[in-house]
Each structure stands twice: as structure tokens, then as C-alpha cells.
Amino acid sequence: MKRMLLALFTVSLVTSTWVSATETAAPVAEQAATKMLAITEGKLKDTEGGCACSYTVKNLQSSPLKKFEAYIFVKNEQGRFRCDAAHFSFNKPIQPNESRTLANEAYGKTCGKNPSVSLLMVGTCNYADGSECDSENIETTDSGLKWVD
């Protein structure tokens, strides 16, 4: 009888520990998928100097965005080149729900006829409250550009 009670107690303890671990792991996974920034209204335009790239960054966090640095590549029929919006430290941080257009030019490159764009990685994404974001926290749909993974 003692063995049966001990076995039931052990099963009960293991089950409650597993359920508790599952419940605490779920919010961490949800937090990783939270979108902190959106890239919208992307445009590529050929100019005399090269391919002009611009896009709008919208802060989806409750803290001001202080610095943003991303590596964005354009791929067309002529090849692949970097056309990111330089490395921005904002004198006036981007406030929550505020948007700002960032622009750069890939000198000597043409945008091409059917360009696609990829966000290779985020180098820096710092908020006033000390939080940071990475590529997984950035929403790139509805940007006006053909984004590829």
C-alpha cells in the first residue's frame, strides 16, 4: 500500500511540475514573437546617382525608439546589393505609434525591373527603456516592396 501511495505521489508531483513549466514557457514564446517595429511604405526609385531606397519605420512599442540600424538588400536581374537606410541615431527619438521615413541611396546601382528586398539583419534597435529588437520583432508586410525571407 505504501508503494502505491508513493507511486501516486510521484506521478502527481511530476505532472504538476510539467504543467507548471508549460504554463511559464508559453509567455516567453509569445514575447519573442511580439512585433516591436513595422517597416511600411517602402519605395525604390532609380535616380541619376543610383537606386534610392526609402521606407517608413513605425514604433510599435510604448517606449521611444532611440537608434535603428538594419541591413536591407535589394536583389534584381543584375545581382544583389545593399540599400539600407544608413545607421540612424535619432536626435528626437521616434515616439510610440509615431512613424519616420528613412532613406539612402545605393550609388552606382540600379533598382531594376522586378526588384525584391530582404531584411538580412538588424544591427541595432534600441529603445529609451533599455529594450531592444531584432529581425524577428519587425513586421515587413504592407511595406510596398516585395519582401523575401
C-alpha atoms as a PDB file:
ATOM      1  CA  MET A   1       0.000   0.000   0.000  1.00  0.00           C
ATOM      2  CA  LYS A   2       2.880   2.351   0.852  1.00  0.00           C
ATOM      3  CA  ARG A   3       4.446   1.692  -2.563  1.00  0.00           C
ATOM      4  CA  MET A   4       1.170   2.515  -4.325  1.00  0.00           C
ATOM      5  CA  LEU A   5       0.787   5.789  -2.404  1.00  0.00           C
ATOM      6  CA  LEU A   6       4.420   6.682  -3.103  1.00  0.00           C
ATOM      7  CA  ALA A   7       3.930   5.956  -6.817  1.00  0.00           C
ATOM      8  CA  LEU A   8       0.757   8.105  -6.967  1.00  0.00           C
ATOM      9  CA  PHE A   9       2.512  10.925  -5.125  1.00  0.00           C
ATOM     10  CA  THR A  10       5.475  10.767  -7.548  1.00  0.00           C
ATOM     11  CA  VAL A  11       3.203  10.811 -10.629  1.00  0.00           C
ATOM     12  CA  SER A  12       1.247  13.718  -9.166  1.00  0.00           C
ATOM     13  CA  LEU A  13       4.425  15.698  -8.448  1.00  0.00           C
ATOM     14  CA  VAL A  14       5.901  15.092 -11.919  1.00  0.00           C
ATOM     15  CA  THR A  15       2.620  16.043 -13.622  1.00  0.00           C
ATOM     16  CA  SER A  16       2.231  19.281 -11.656  1.00  0.00           C
ATOM     17  CA  THR A  17       5.864  20.241 -12.360  1.00  0.00           C
ATOM     18  CA  TRP A  18       5.395  19.597 -16.094  1.00  0.00           C
ATOM     19  CA  VAL A  19       2.152  21.639 -16.205  1.00  0.00           C
ATOM     20  CA  SER A  20       3.807  24.480 -14.304  1.00  0.00           C
ATOM     21  CA  ALA A  21       6.803  24.508 -16.682  1.00  0.00           C
ATOM     22  CA  THR A  22       4.492  24.512 -19.710  1.00  0.00           C
ATOM     23  CA  GLU A  23       2.481  27.446 -18.351  1.00  0.00           C
ATOM     24  CA  THR A  24       5.588  29.563 -17.660  1.00  0.00           C
ATOM     25  CA  ALA A  25       7.195  28.750 -21.030  1.00  0.00           C
ATOM     26  CA  ALA A  26       4.212  29.982 -23.079  1.00  0.00           C
ATOM     27  CA  PRO A  27       4.538  33.722 -22.294  1.00  0.00           C
ATOM     28  CA  VAL A  28       8.269  33.656 -23.174  1.00  0.00           C
ATOM     29  CA  ALA A  29       7.493  32.221 -26.618  1.00  0.00           C
ATOM     30  CA  GLU A  30       4.727  34.787 -27.154  1.00  0.00           C
ATOM     31  CA  GLN A  31       7.060  37.613 -26.100  1.00  0.00           C
ATOM     32  CA  ALA A  32       9.673  36.621 -28.678  1.00  0.00           C
ATOM     33  CA  ALA A  33       7.099  36.927 -31.479  1.00  0.00           C
ATOM     34  CA  THR A  34       5.877  40.381 -30.381  1.00  0.00           C
ATOM     35  CA  LYS A  35       6.251  42.956 -33.132  1.00  0.00           C
ATOM     36  CA  MET A  36       8.139  45.998 -31.867  1.00  0.00           C
ATOM     37  CA  LEU A  37       8.629  47.834 -35.149  1.00  0.00           C
ATOM     38  CA  ALA A  38       6.944  47.930 -38.552  1.00  0.00           C
ATOM     39  CA  ILE A  39       8.553  48.826 -41.860  1.00  0.00           C
ATOM     40  CA  THR A  40       5.938  50.286 -44.183  1.00  0.00           C
ATOM     41  CA  GLU A  41       5.646  52.366 -47.338  1.00  0.00           C
ATOM     42  CA  GLY A  42       8.866  51.131 -48.911  1.00  0.00           C
ATOM     43  CA  LYS A  43       9.927  52.627 -52.225  1.00  0.00           C
ATOM     44  CA  LEU A  44      12.753  52.027 -54.672  1.00  0.00           C
ATOM     45  CA  LYS A  45      13.425  54.636 -57.333  1.00  0.00           C
ATOM     46  CA  ASP A  46      16.173  54.953 -59.905  1.00  0.00           C
ATOM     47  CA  THR A  47      17.934  58.338 -59.794  1.00  0.00           C
ATOM     48  CA  GLU A  48      20.991  59.771 -61.552  1.00  0.00           C
ATOM     49  CA  GLY A  49      23.182  58.608 -58.673  1.00  0.00           C
ATOM     50  CA  GLY A  50      21.765  55.126 -58.191  1.00  0.00           C
ATOM     51  CA  CYS A  51      18.912  53.251 -56.551  1.00  0.00           C
ATOM     52  CA  ALA A  52      17.186  55.425 -53.961  1.00  0.00           C
ATOM     53  CA  CYS A  53      15.682  53.375 -51.150  1.00  0.00           C
ATOM     54  CA  SER A  54      13.223  54.716 -48.638  1.00  0.00           C
ATOM     55  CA  TYR A  55      10.867  53.197 -46.123  1.00  0.00           C
ATOM     56  CA  THR A  56       8.874  54.259 -43.119  1.00  0.00           C
ATOM     57  CA  VAL A  57       9.649  52.897 -39.661  1.00  0.00           C
ATOM     58  CA  LYS A  58       6.772  52.817 -37.184  1.00  0.00           C
ATOM     59  CA  ASN A  59       7.458  52.369 -33.465  1.00  0.00           C
ATOM     60  CA  LEU A  60       5.041  49.757 -32.064  1.00  0.00           C
ATOM     61  CA  GLN A  61       6.488  49.874 -28.533  1.00  0.00           C
ATOM     62  CA  SER A  62       5.423  52.014 -25.578  1.00  0.00           C
ATOM     63  CA  SER A  63       8.968  53.418 -25.301  1.00  0.00           C
ATOM     64  CA  PRO A  64      10.666  55.867 -27.728  1.00  0.00           C
ATOM     65  CA  LEU A  65      12.994  54.330 -30.356  1.00  0.00           C
ATOM     66  CA  LYS A  66      16.465  55.879 -29.968  1.00  0.00           C
ATOM     67  CA  LYS A  67      18.583  54.063 -32.552  1.00  0.00           C
ATOM     68  CA  PHE A  68      17.913  51.819 -35.552  1.00  0.00           C
ATOM     69  CA  GLU A  69      20.414  50.101 -37.825  1.00  0.00           C
ATOM     70  CA  ALA A  70      19.345  47.476 -40.346  1.00  0.00           C
ATOM     71  CA  TYR A  71      20.924  45.721 -43.284  1.00  0.00           C
ATOM     72  CA  ILE A  72      18.500  45.695 -46.201  1.00  0.00           C
ATOM     73  CA  PHE A  73      19.412  44.154 -49.541  1.00  0.00           C
ATOM     74  CA  VAL A  74      17.874  44.607 -52.986  1.00  0.00           C
ATOM     75  CA  LYS A  75      18.030  41.763 -55.500  1.00  0.00           C
ATOM     76  CA  ASN A  76      17.303  42.300 -59.170  1.00  0.00           C
ATOM     77  CA  GLU A  77      18.259  40.846 -62.545  1.00  0.00           C
ATOM     78  CA  GLN A  78      21.760  42.394 -62.229  1.00  0.00           C
ATOM     79  CA  GLY A  79      22.572  40.966 -58.805  1.00  0.00           C
ATOM     80  CA  ARG A  80      22.295  41.819 -55.132  1.00  0.00           C
ATOM     81  CA  PHE A  81      23.363  44.990 -53.345  1.00  0.00           C
ATOM     82  CA  ARG A  82      22.910  46.682 -50.014  1.00  0.00           C
ATOM     83  CA  CYS A  83      20.468  49.554 -49.903  1.00  0.00           C
ATOM     84  CA  ASP A  84      19.793  50.099 -46.248  1.00  0.00           C
ATOM     85  CA  ALA A  85      18.875  53.406 -44.700  1.00  0.00           C
ATOM     86  CA  ALA A  86      22.296  54.070 -43.194  1.00  0.00           C
ATOM     87  CA  HIS A  87      22.640  53.907 -39.413  1.00  0.00           C
ATOM     88  CA  PHE A  88      20.280  56.211 -37.624  1.00  0.00           C
ATOM     89  CA  SER A  89      20.651  57.607 -34.130  1.00  0.00           C
ATOM     90  CA  PHE A  90      17.705  59.891 -33.641  1.00  0.00           C
ATOM     91  CA  ASN A  91      18.233  63.318 -32.051  1.00  0.00           C
ATOM     92  CA  LYS A  92      14.494  63.232 -31.496  1.00  0.00           C
ATOM     93  CA  PRO A  93      13.543  59.595 -30.757  1.00  0.00           C
ATOM     94  CA  ILE A  94      10.612  58.040 -32.610  1.00  0.00           C
ATOM     95  CA  GLN A  95       7.772  58.136 -30.093  1.00  0.00           C
ATOM     96  CA  PRO A  96       5.306  55.249 -29.579  1.00  0.00           C
ATOM     97  CA  ASN A  97       2.950  54.869 -32.588  1.00  0.00           C
ATOM     98  CA  GLU A  98       4.961  57.527 -34.441  1.00  0.00           C
ATOM     99  CA  SER A  99       6.466  56.910 -37.893  1.00  0.00           C
ATOM    100  CA  ARG A 100       9.507  58.310 -39.612  1.00  0.00           C
ATOM    101  CA  THR A 101      10.757  57.852 -43.182  1.00  0.00           C
ATOM    102  CA  LEU A 102      14.366  56.718 -43.583  1.00  0.00           C
ATOM    103  CA  ALA A 103      16.224  56.966 -46.890  1.00  0.00           C
ATOM    104  CA  ASN A 104      19.529  56.135 -48.505  1.00  0.00           C
ATOM    105  CA  GLU A 105      20.941  55.677 -51.975  1.00  0.00           C
ATOM    106  CA  ALA A 106      22.924  52.751 -53.363  1.00  0.00           C
ATOM    107  CA  TYR A 107      25.290  54.745 -55.570  1.00  0.00           C
ATOM    108  CA  GLY A 108      26.023  53.296 -58.983  1.00  0.00           C
ATOM    109  CA  LYS A 109      23.323  50.621 -58.701  1.00  0.00           C
ATOM    110  CA  THR A 110      20.000  50.485 -60.493  1.00  0.00           C
ATOM    111  CA  CYS A 111      16.829  49.282 -58.815  1.00  0.00           C
ATOM    112  CA  GLY A 112      15.960  47.106 -61.828  1.00  0.00           C
ATOM    113  CA  LYS A 113      12.657  45.996 -63.277  1.00  0.00           C
ATOM    114  CA  ASN A 114      11.467  43.455 -60.675  1.00  0.00           C
ATOM    115  CA  PRO A 115      13.461  44.016 -57.509  1.00  0.00           C
ATOM    116  CA  SER A 116      12.892  42.083 -54.309  1.00  0.00           C
ATOM    117  CA  VAL A 117      14.038  43.225 -50.901  1.00  0.00           C
ATOM    118  CA  SER A 118      15.266  41.292 -47.874  1.00  0.00           C
ATOM    119  CA  LEU A 119      15.946  42.359 -44.314  1.00  0.00           C
ATOM    120  CA  LEU A 120      19.166  40.485 -43.644  1.00  0.00           C
ATOM    121  CA  MET A 121      19.566  41.506 -40.038  1.00  0.00           C
ATOM    122  CA  VAL A 122      19.074  44.264 -37.522  1.00  0.00           C
ATOM    123  CA  GLY A 123      22.352  45.557 -36.134  1.00  0.00           C
ATOM    124  CA  THR A 124      20.932  47.938 -33.548  1.00  0.00           C
ATOM    125  CA  CYS A 125      17.412  48.643 -32.360  1.00  0.00           C
ATOM    126  CA  ASN A 126      17.452  50.458 -29.019  1.00  0.00           C
ATOM    127  CA  TYR A 127      14.564  51.926 -27.061  1.00  0.00           C
ATOM    128  CA  ALA A 128      14.674  54.543 -24.290  1.00  0.00           C
ATOM    129  CA  ASP A 129      13.611  51.971 -21.682  1.00  0.00           C
ATOM    130  CA  GLY A 130      16.635  49.784 -22.494  1.00  0.00           C
ATOM    131  CA  SER A 131      14.725  47.198 -24.547  1.00  0.00           C
ATOM    132  CA  GLU A 132      15.996  46.042 -27.925  1.00  0.00           C
ATOM    133  CA  CYS A 133      14.542  44.366 -31.001  1.00  0.00           C
ATOM    134  CA  ASP A 134      15.868  42.106 -33.739  1.00  0.00           C
ATOM    135  CA  SER A 135      14.714  40.893 -37.157  1.00  0.00           C
ATOM    136  CA  GLU A 136      12.036  38.621 -35.654  1.00  0.00           C
ATOM    137  CA  ASN A 137      10.374  41.606 -33.964  1.00  0.00           C
ATOM    138  CA  ILE A 138      10.000  43.623 -37.176  1.00  0.00           C
ATOM    139  CA  GLU A 139       6.885  43.453 -39.337  1.00  0.00           C
ATOM    140  CA  THR A 140       7.730  43.917 -43.042  1.00  0.00           C
ATOM    141  CA  THR A 141       4.436  43.114 -44.740  1.00  0.00           C
ATOM    142  CA  ASP A 142       2.485  46.042 -46.209  1.00  0.00           C
ATOM    143  CA  SER A 143       5.741  47.833 -46.937  1.00  0.00           C
ATOM    144  CA  GLY A 144       5.027  48.395 -50.627  1.00  0.00           C
ATOM    145  CA  LEU A 145       8.099  46.312 -51.504  1.00  0.00           C
ATOM    146  CA  LYS A 146       8.373  42.665 -52.480  1.00  0.00           C
ATOM    147  CA  TRP A 147       9.976  41.250 -49.327  1.00  0.00           C
ATOM    148  CA  VAL A 148      11.544  37.807 -49.401  1.00  0.00           C
ATOM    149  CA  ASP A 149      12.817  35.726 -46.495  1.00  0.00           C
END
